[in-house]
Amino acid sequence: MDINNFLHQFGLSNKESDVYLACLELGSTTVNEISIKANIKRTTTYDVLASLIKQGLIIQTQKAKKRLFYAESPERLKKLLEEKLDKLNQVMPLLKSFCNTIQGKPKIMFYEGRDGLKKVYEDALNYPPEMLAIVTENVLTHLDKDFCDDYIKRRTRLNIRVRAIASENKEMSRYKSEDEKYIKQTKLVAADKFLFTIEMMIYGNKVAFISFKEKLGIIIESEDINNNMRAFFGLAWGEI
């Protein structure tokens, strides 16, 4: 590995790396010699040395009223890494607690347009074995036939069963007639009682909403919300 790349990964800037290496080669030396060796302006070298002294990589001494600088042994780099690792281990439980808090919050994703709506449907295929759905209308009128045909085939091949609630009309009656063929079960509700205008899918630990009118899809990833929507669907399913 190139030594400069290593020092950069360690956290040193280009100039800090150049000055540190110059000090290693020169031994106890003056700012002027370091500046020449590192090819850095003298005034800048002072600032870089101050930073390296603060990091514990350079030592400043004085001899006959002359300030001299020398680099700590490379072993000091190892010691500094160990100190950083110790500090990281100390704060790790706190970092994990923040991570758990963030992970506990619902994750909400928005999708727009036809391609966006397709992504919502695609996402549901990642969560067998069952999907619960409120179906409002024929997807074919909004998404192309090739996509819909392929989607149904893949869902069936993945053995993802569907339980759907839909409005009682000619279009949804035709949808219901294909239940056995496409491993799904549909229950129809009288049109005057079916007041849904957006589709809903409940799967995995997610709930998806699709508005064909606004060409908008929303996926909420939340165990709690998913469980409650499953309970809501179960109540409705049992009453039909």
C-alpha atoms as a PDB file:
ATOM      1  CA  MET A   1       0.000   0.000   0.000  1.00  0.00           C
ATOM      2  CA  ASP A   2       1.232   3.513  -0.821  1.00  0.00           C
ATOM      3  CA  ILE A   3       2.314   5.188   2.434  1.00  0.00           C
ATOM      4  CA  ASN A   4       0.547   8.443   1.581  1.00  0.00           C
ATOM      5  CA  ASN A   5      -2.722   6.611   0.918  1.00  0.00           C
ATOM      6  CA  PHE A   6      -2.378   4.854   4.263  1.00  0.00           C
ATOM      7  CA  LEU A   7      -1.839   8.142   6.090  1.00  0.00           C
ATOM      8  CA  HIS A   8      -4.839   9.636   4.293  1.00  0.00           C
ATOM      9  CA  GLN A   9      -6.966   6.698   5.438  1.00  0.00           C
ATOM     10  CA  PHE A  10      -5.600   7.223   8.932  1.00  0.00           C
ATOM     11  CA  GLY A  11      -7.061  10.719   8.784  1.00  0.00           C
ATOM     12  CA  LEU A  12      -4.169  12.959   7.801  1.00  0.00           C
ATOM     13  CA  SER A  13      -4.498  15.600   5.118  1.00  0.00           C
ATOM     14  CA  ASN A  14      -2.064  15.736   2.190  1.00  0.00           C
ATOM     15  CA  LYS A  15       0.051  18.396   3.875  1.00  0.00           C
ATOM     16  CA  GLU A  16      -0.025  16.645   7.244  1.00  0.00           C
ATOM     17  CA  SER A  17       1.111  13.454   5.547  1.00  0.00           C
ATOM     18  CA  ASP A  18       3.961  15.235   3.738  1.00  0.00           C
ATOM     19  CA  VAL A  19       5.157  17.009   6.889  1.00  0.00           C
ATOM     20  CA  TYR A  20       4.976  13.858   9.027  1.00  0.00           C
ATOM     21  CA  LEU A  21       6.996  11.854   6.481  1.00  0.00           C
ATOM     22  CA  ALA A  22       9.526  14.699   6.188  1.00  0.00           C
ATOM     23  CA  CYS A  23       9.992  14.694   9.962  1.00  0.00           C
ATOM     24  CA  LEU A  24      10.423  10.908  10.001  1.00  0.00           C
ATOM     25  CA  GLU A  25      13.202  11.163   7.406  1.00  0.00           C
ATOM     26  CA  LEU A  26      14.939  14.236   8.801  1.00  0.00           C
ATOM     27  CA  GLY A  27      14.825  13.410  12.489  1.00  0.00           C
ATOM     28  CA  SER A  28      15.112  16.379  14.868  1.00  0.00           C
ATOM     29  CA  THR A  29      15.014  19.379  12.563  1.00  0.00           C
ATOM     30  CA  THR A  30      13.893  22.964  11.990  1.00  0.00           C
ATOM     31  CA  VAL A  31      10.753  24.354  10.395  1.00  0.00           C
ATOM     32  CA  ASN A  32      12.790  25.621   7.461  1.00  0.00           C
ATOM     33  CA  GLU A  33      14.197  22.173   6.677  1.00  0.00           C
ATOM     34  CA  ILE A  34      10.778  20.570   7.043  1.00  0.00           C
ATOM     35  CA  SER A  35       9.273  23.197   4.737  1.00  0.00           C
ATOM     36  CA  ILE A  36      11.861  22.486   2.039  1.00  0.00           C
ATOM     37  CA  LYS A  37      11.610  18.702   2.370  1.00  0.00           C
ATOM     38  CA  ALA A  38       7.787  18.691   2.285  1.00  0.00           C
ATOM     39  CA  ASN A  39       7.678  21.391  -0.422  1.00  0.00           C
ATOM     40  CA  ILE A  40       5.252  23.466   1.638  1.00  0.00           C
ATOM     41  CA  LYS A  41       5.408  27.178   2.459  1.00  0.00           C
ATOM     42  CA  ARG A  42       7.100  27.947   5.773  1.00  0.00           C
ATOM     43  CA  THR A  43       4.059  29.753   7.206  1.00  0.00           C
ATOM     44  CA  THR A  44       1.820  26.837   6.278  1.00  0.00           C
ATOM     45  CA  THR A  45       4.298  24.375   7.780  1.00  0.00           C
ATOM     46  CA  TYR A  46       3.851  25.981  11.205  1.00  0.00           C
ATOM     47  CA  ASP A  47       0.095  25.409  11.038  1.00  0.00           C
ATOM     48  CA  VAL A  48       0.524  21.809   9.900  1.00  0.00           C
ATOM     49  CA  LEU A  49       3.057  21.104  12.655  1.00  0.00           C
ATOM     50  CA  ALA A  50       0.674  22.539  15.250  1.00  0.00           C
ATOM     51  CA  SER A  51      -2.027  20.146  14.040  1.00  0.00           C
ATOM     52  CA  LEU A  52       0.321  17.146  14.131  1.00  0.00           C
ATOM     53  CA  ILE A  53       1.542  18.091  17.619  1.00  0.00           C
ATOM     54  CA  LYS A  54      -2.079  18.194  18.775  1.00  0.00           C
ATOM     55  CA  GLN A  55      -2.602  14.708  17.320  1.00  0.00           C
ATOM     56  CA  GLY A  56       0.464  13.423  19.171  1.00  0.00           C
ATOM     57  CA  LEU A  57       2.460  12.630  16.040  1.00  0.00           C
ATOM     58  CA  ILE A  58       5.082  15.393  16.291  1.00  0.00           C
ATOM     59  CA  ILE A  59       7.133  16.499  19.306  1.00  0.00           C
ATOM     60  CA  GLN A  60       8.485  20.050  19.683  1.00  0.00           C
ATOM     61  CA  THR A  61      11.710  20.697  21.601  1.00  0.00           C
ATOM     62  CA  GLN A  62      14.074  23.631  22.013  1.00  0.00           C
ATOM     63  CA  LYS A  63      17.865  23.639  21.713  1.00  0.00           C
ATOM     64  CA  ALA A  64      19.981  26.758  22.032  1.00  0.00           C
ATOM     65  CA  LYS A  65      16.964  28.994  21.582  1.00  0.00           C
ATOM     66  CA  LYS A  66      16.094  27.135  18.377  1.00  0.00           C
ATOM     67  CA  ARG A  67      12.802  25.276  18.012  1.00  0.00           C
ATOM     68  CA  LEU A  68      13.199  21.755  16.728  1.00  0.00           C
ATOM     69  CA  PHE A  69      10.622  19.182  15.688  1.00  0.00           C
ATOM     70  CA  TYR A  70      10.759  15.425  15.327  1.00  0.00           C
ATOM     71  CA  ALA A  71       8.234  12.735  14.515  1.00  0.00           C
ATOM     72  CA  GLU A  72       6.995  10.254  17.050  1.00  0.00           C
ATOM     73  CA  SER A  73       7.793   6.615  16.292  1.00  0.00           C
ATOM     74  CA  PRO A  74       5.449   4.993  13.733  1.00  0.00           C
ATOM     75  CA  GLU A  75       4.342   2.828  16.659  1.00  0.00           C
ATOM     76  CA  ARG A  76       2.480   5.937  17.801  1.00  0.00           C
ATOM     77  CA  LEU A  77       0.108   5.510  14.840  1.00  0.00           C
ATOM     78  CA  LYS A  78      -0.819   2.066  16.099  1.00  0.00           C
ATOM     79  CA  LYS A  79      -1.341   3.443  19.601  1.00  0.00           C
ATOM     80  CA  LEU A  80      -3.602   6.211  18.288  1.00  0.00           C
ATOM     81  CA  LEU A  81      -5.668   3.684  16.333  1.00  0.00           C
ATOM     82  CA  GLU A  82      -6.068   1.574  19.459  1.00  0.00           C
ATOM     83  CA  GLU A  83      -7.174   4.648  21.416  1.00  0.00           C
ATOM     84  CA  LYS A  84      -9.722   5.515  18.722  1.00  0.00           C
ATOM     85  CA  LEU A  85     -11.005   1.930  18.752  1.00  0.00           C
ATOM     86  CA  ASP A  86     -11.368   2.046  22.549  1.00  0.00           C
ATOM     87  CA  LYS A  87     -13.370   5.262  22.289  1.00  0.00           C
ATOM     88  CA  LEU A  88     -15.519   3.746  19.552  1.00  0.00           C
ATOM     89  CA  ASN A  89     -16.216   0.687  21.709  1.00  0.00           C
ATOM     90  CA  GLN A  90     -17.230   2.959  24.571  1.00  0.00           C
ATOM     91  CA  VAL A  91     -19.728   4.883  22.478  1.00  0.00           C
ATOM     92  CA  MET A  92     -20.965   1.876  20.459  1.00  0.00           C
ATOM     93  CA  PRO A  93     -23.912   1.054  22.788  1.00  0.00           C
ATOM     94  CA  LEU A  94     -25.129   4.643  22.442  1.00  0.00           C
ATOM     95  CA  LEU A  95     -24.760   4.536  18.654  1.00  0.00           C
ATOM     96  CA  LYS A  96     -26.716   1.277  18.553  1.00  0.00           C
ATOM     97  CA  SER A  97     -29.466   2.788  20.673  1.00  0.00           C
ATOM     98  CA  PHE A  98     -29.814   5.604  18.121  1.00  0.00           C
ATOM     99  CA  CYS A  99     -29.900   3.005  15.353  1.00  0.00           C
ATOM    100  CA  ASN A 100     -32.664   1.059  17.086  1.00  0.00           C
ATOM    101  CA  THR A 101     -34.663   4.241  17.598  1.00  0.00           C
ATOM    102  CA  ILE A 102     -34.391   5.137  13.924  1.00  0.00           C
ATOM    103  CA  GLN A 103     -35.203   1.604  12.805  1.00  0.00           C
ATOM    104  CA  GLY A 104     -38.252   1.645  15.055  1.00  0.00           C
ATOM    105  CA  LYS A 105     -39.746   4.567  13.166  1.00  0.00           C
ATOM    106  CA  PRO A 106     -41.955   3.912  10.142  1.00  0.00           C
ATOM    107  CA  LYS A 107     -40.173   4.148   6.814  1.00  0.00           C
ATOM    108  CA  ILE A 108     -42.299   5.880   4.188  1.00  0.00           C
ATOM    109  CA  MET A 109     -41.547   5.749   0.465  1.00  0.00           C
ATOM    110  CA  PHE A 110     -43.312   7.673  -2.297  1.00  0.00           C
ATOM    111  CA  TYR A 111     -43.622   6.642  -5.954  1.00  0.00           C
ATOM    112  CA  GLU A 112     -45.038   8.703  -8.802  1.00  0.00           C
ATOM    113  CA  GLY A 113     -46.135   7.973 -12.356  1.00  0.00           C
ATOM    114  CA  ARG A 114     -46.792   4.649 -14.064  1.00  0.00           C
ATOM    115  CA  ASP A 115     -43.269   3.388 -13.451  1.00  0.00           C
ATOM    116  CA  GLY A 116     -43.570   4.347  -9.808  1.00  0.00           C
ATOM    117  CA  LEU A 117     -46.821   2.409  -9.420  1.00  0.00           C
ATOM    118  CA  LYS A 118     -45.190  -0.631 -11.015  1.00  0.00           C
ATOM    119  CA  LYS A 119     -42.454  -0.491  -8.372  1.00  0.00           C
ATOM    120  CA  VAL A 120     -45.086  -0.632  -5.632  1.00  0.00           C
ATOM    121  CA  TYR A 121     -46.568  -3.797  -7.132  1.00  0.00           C
ATOM    122  CA  GLU A 122     -43.088  -5.250  -7.662  1.00  0.00           C
ATOM    123  CA  ASP A 123     -42.229  -4.698  -4.013  1.00  0.00           C
ATOM    124  CA  ALA A 124     -45.086  -6.941  -2.884  1.00  0.00           C
ATOM    125  CA  LEU A 125     -43.544  -9.894  -4.743  1.00  0.00           C
ATOM    126  CA  ASN A 126     -40.688  -9.894  -2.246  1.00  0.00           C
ATOM    127  CA  TYR A 127     -42.962 -10.903   0.622  1.00  0.00           C
ATOM    128  CA  PRO A 128     -44.627 -14.313   0.321  1.00  0.00           C
ATOM    129  CA  PRO A 129     -46.752 -16.173   1.240  1.00  0.00           C
ATOM    130  CA  GLU A 130     -49.814 -13.902   1.312  1.00  0.00           C
ATOM    131  CA  MET A 131     -51.017 -10.475   0.303  1.00  0.00           C
ATOM    132  CA  LEU A 132     -54.185  -8.763   1.525  1.00  0.00           C
ATOM    133  CA  ALA A 133     -55.734  -6.230  -0.828  1.00  0.00           C
ATOM    134  CA  ILE A 134     -58.484  -3.691  -1.274  1.00  0.00           C
ATOM    135  CA  VAL A 135     -59.048  -3.650  -5.037  1.00  0.00           C
ATOM    136  CA  THR A 136     -60.814  -0.627  -6.498  1.00  0.00           C
ATOM    137  CA  GLU A 137     -60.531  -1.091 -10.249  1.00  0.00           C
ATOM    138  CA  ASN A 138     -58.877  -2.958 -13.078  1.00  0.00           C
ATOM    139  CA  VAL A 139     -55.153  -2.291 -13.050  1.00  0.00           C
ATOM    140  CA  LEU A 140     -55.044  -2.875 -16.814  1.00  0.00           C
ATOM    141  CA  THR A 141     -56.683   0.495 -17.403  1.00  0.00           C
ATOM    142  CA  HIS A 142     -53.695   2.208 -15.779  1.00  0.00           C
ATOM    143  CA  LEU A 143     -50.705  -0.091 -16.355  1.00  0.00           C
ATOM    144  CA  ASP A 144     -49.792  -1.876 -19.569  1.00  0.00           C
ATOM    145  CA  LYS A 145     -51.094  -5.388 -20.231  1.00  0.00           C
ATOM    146  CA  ASP A 146     -47.643  -6.951 -20.621  1.00  0.00           C
ATOM    147  CA  PHE A 147     -46.636  -5.813 -17.152  1.00  0.00           C
ATOM    148  CA  CYS A 148     -49.893  -6.997 -15.573  1.00  0.00           C
ATOM    149  CA  ASP A 149     -49.765 -10.411 -17.259  1.00  0.00           C
ATOM    150  CA  ASP A 150     -46.140 -10.905 -16.261  1.00  0.00           C
ATOM    151  CA  TYR A 151     -46.834  -9.730 -12.709  1.00  0.00           C
ATOM    152  CA  ILE A 152     -49.699 -12.194 -12.226  1.00  0.00           C
ATOM    153  CA  LYS A 153     -47.596 -15.050 -13.628  1.00  0.00           C
ATOM    154  CA  ARG A 154     -44.700 -14.268 -11.310  1.00  0.00           C
ATOM    155  CA  ARG A 155     -46.957 -13.899  -8.279  1.00  0.00           C
ATOM    156  CA  THR A 156     -48.575 -17.236  -9.059  1.00  0.00           C
ATOM    157  CA  ARG A 157     -45.197 -18.882  -9.640  1.00  0.00           C
ATOM    158  CA  LEU A 158     -44.007 -17.534  -6.272  1.00  0.00           C
ATOM    159  CA  ASN A 159     -47.134 -19.043  -4.715  1.00  0.00           C
ATOM    160  CA  ILE A 160     -48.166 -15.723  -3.164  1.00  0.00           C
ATOM    161  CA  ARG A 161     -51.837 -16.048  -2.290  1.00  0.00           C
ATOM    162  CA  VAL A 162     -54.130 -13.025  -2.378  1.00  0.00           C
ATOM    163  CA  ARG A 163     -57.200 -12.267  -0.341  1.00  0.00           C
ATOM    164  CA  ALA A 164     -59.000  -9.327  -1.888  1.00  0.00           C
ATOM    165  CA  ILE A 165     -62.024  -7.190  -1.094  1.00  0.00           C
ATOM    166  CA  ALA A 166     -63.577  -5.425  -4.076  1.00  0.00           C
ATOM    167  CA  SER A 167     -66.714  -3.627  -5.206  1.00  0.00           C
ATOM    168  CA  GLU A 168     -69.544  -5.726  -6.620  1.00  0.00           C
ATOM    169  CA  ASN A 169     -69.632  -4.777 -10.287  1.00  0.00           C
ATOM    170  CA  LYS A 170     -69.139  -6.389 -13.684  1.00  0.00           C
ATOM    171  CA  GLU A 171     -65.426  -5.688 -13.817  1.00  0.00           C
ATOM    172  CA  MET A 172     -64.708  -7.063 -10.336  1.00  0.00           C
ATOM    173  CA  SER A 173     -66.981 -10.068 -10.922  1.00  0.00           C
ATOM    174  CA  ARG A 174     -64.733 -10.966 -13.849  1.00  0.00           C
ATOM    175  CA  TYR A 175     -61.727 -10.452 -11.542  1.00  0.00           C
ATOM    176  CA  LYS A 176     -63.286 -12.833  -8.998  1.00  0.00           C
ATOM    177  CA  SER A 177     -63.961 -15.481 -11.652  1.00  0.00           C
ATOM    178  CA  GLU A 178     -60.189 -15.983 -12.027  1.00  0.00           C
ATOM    179  CA  ASP A 179     -59.606 -16.678  -8.320  1.00  0.00           C
ATOM    180  CA  GLU A 180     -58.845 -20.377  -8.609  1.00  0.00           C
ATOM    181  CA  LYS A 181     -56.599 -19.901 -11.625  1.00  0.00           C
ATOM    182  CA  TYR A 182     -54.453 -17.276  -9.912  1.00  0.00           C
ATOM    183  CA  ILE A 183     -54.463 -18.602  -6.301  1.00  0.00           C
ATOM    184  CA  LYS A 184     -56.564 -15.796  -4.872  1.00  0.00           C
ATOM    185  CA  GLN A 185     -59.828 -15.368  -3.023  1.00  0.00           C
ATOM    186  CA  THR A 186     -62.065 -12.382  -3.616  1.00  0.00           C
ATOM    187  CA  LYS A 187     -65.019 -11.135  -1.616  1.00  0.00           C
ATOM    188  CA  LEU A 188     -67.346  -8.594  -3.203  1.00  0.00           C
ATOM    189  CA  VAL A 189     -69.092  -5.769  -1.365  1.00  0.00           C
ATOM    190  CA  ALA A 190     -72.217  -3.984  -2.574  1.00  0.00           C
ATOM    191  CA  ALA A 191     -71.164  -0.970  -4.619  1.00  0.00           C
ATOM    192  CA  ASP A 192     -73.085   1.477  -2.418  1.00  0.00           C
ATOM    193  CA  LYS A 193     -71.142   0.272   0.635  1.00  0.00           C
ATOM    194  CA  PHE A 194     -67.736   0.064  -1.012  1.00  0.00           C
ATOM    195  CA  LEU A 195     -66.445   3.617  -0.546  1.00  0.00           C
ATOM    196  CA  PHE A 196     -62.751   3.053  -1.218  1.00  0.00           C
ATOM    197  CA  THR A 197     -61.147   5.125  -3.986  1.00  0.00           C
ATOM    198  CA  ILE A 198     -57.556   3.965  -3.559  1.00  0.00           C
ATOM    199  CA  GLU A 199     -56.070   0.487  -3.625  1.00  0.00           C
ATOM    200  CA  MET A 200     -54.400  -0.956  -0.566  1.00  0.00           C
ATOM    201  CA  MET A 201     -52.016  -3.891  -0.217  1.00  0.00           C
ATOM    202  CA  ILE A 202     -50.892  -5.404   3.078  1.00  0.00           C
ATOM    203  CA  TYR A 203     -47.850  -7.681   2.906  1.00  0.00           C
ATOM    204  CA  GLY A 204     -44.724  -8.538   4.878  1.00  0.00           C
ATOM    205  CA  ASN A 205     -44.275  -5.703   7.356  1.00  0.00           C
ATOM    206  CA  LYS A 206     -45.568  -3.105   4.901  1.00  0.00           C
ATOM    207  CA  VAL A 207     -48.755  -1.382   3.808  1.00  0.00           C
ATOM    208  CA  ALA A 208     -49.015   0.112   0.314  1.00  0.00           C
ATOM    209  CA  PHE A 209     -51.556   2.632  -0.957  1.00  0.00           C
ATOM    210  CA  ILE A 210     -52.110   3.345  -4.644  1.00  0.00           C
ATOM    211  CA  SER A 211     -54.046   6.268  -6.086  1.00  0.00           C
ATOM    212  CA  PHE A 212     -54.568   5.738  -9.815  1.00  0.00           C
ATOM    213  CA  LYS A 213     -56.226   9.151 -10.031  1.00  0.00           C
ATOM    214  CA  GLU A 214     -53.132  10.935  -8.728  1.00  0.00           C
ATOM    215  CA  LYS A 215     -50.694   8.329 -10.109  1.00  0.00           C
ATOM    216  CA  LEU A 216     -49.196   8.104  -6.641  1.00  0.00           C
ATOM    217  CA  GLY A 217     -47.986   5.114  -4.641  1.00  0.00           C
ATOM    218  CA  ILE A 218     -47.012   5.097  -0.969  1.00  0.00           C
ATOM    219  CA  ILE A 219     -45.326   2.257   0.910  1.00  0.00           C
ATOM    220  CA  ILE A 220     -45.188   2.380   4.705  1.00  0.00           C
ATOM    221  CA  GLU A 221     -42.776  -0.038   6.350  1.00  0.00           C
ATOM    222  CA  SER A 222     -43.889  -0.472   9.952  1.00  0.00           C
ATOM    223  CA  GLU A 223     -44.602  -3.609  11.966  1.00  0.00           C
ATOM    224  CA  ASP A 224     -47.148  -1.804  14.138  1.00  0.00           C
ATOM    225  CA  ILE A 225     -49.045  -0.174  11.264  1.00  0.00           C
ATOM    226  CA  ASN A 226     -48.954  -3.424   9.301  1.00  0.00           C
ATOM    227  CA  ASN A 227     -50.383  -5.398  12.230  1.00  0.00           C
ATOM    228  CA  ASN A 228     -53.185  -2.885  12.746  1.00  0.00           C
ATOM    229  CA  MET A 229     -54.106  -2.841   9.066  1.00  0.00           C
ATOM    230  CA  ARG A 230     -54.153  -6.651   9.055  1.00  0.00           C
ATOM    231  CA  ALA A 231     -56.548  -6.532  12.011  1.00  0.00           C
ATOM    232  CA  PHE A 232     -58.723  -3.994  10.172  1.00  0.00           C
ATOM    233  CA  PHE A 233     -58.755  -6.161   7.047  1.00  0.00           C
ATOM    234  CA  GLY A 234     -59.563  -9.246   9.113  1.00  0.00           C
ATOM    235  CA  LEU A 235     -62.591  -7.548  10.664  1.00  0.00           C
ATOM    236  CA  ALA A 236     -63.863  -6.453   7.251  1.00  0.00           C
ATOM    237  CA  TRP A 237     -63.192  -9.885   5.743  1.00  0.00           C
ATOM    238  CA  GLY A 238     -65.105 -11.622   8.507  1.00  0.00           C
ATOM    239  CA  GLU A 239     -68.156  -9.407   8.025  1.00  0.00           C
ATOM    240  CA  ILE A 240     -68.530 -10.057   4.292  1.00  0.00           C
END
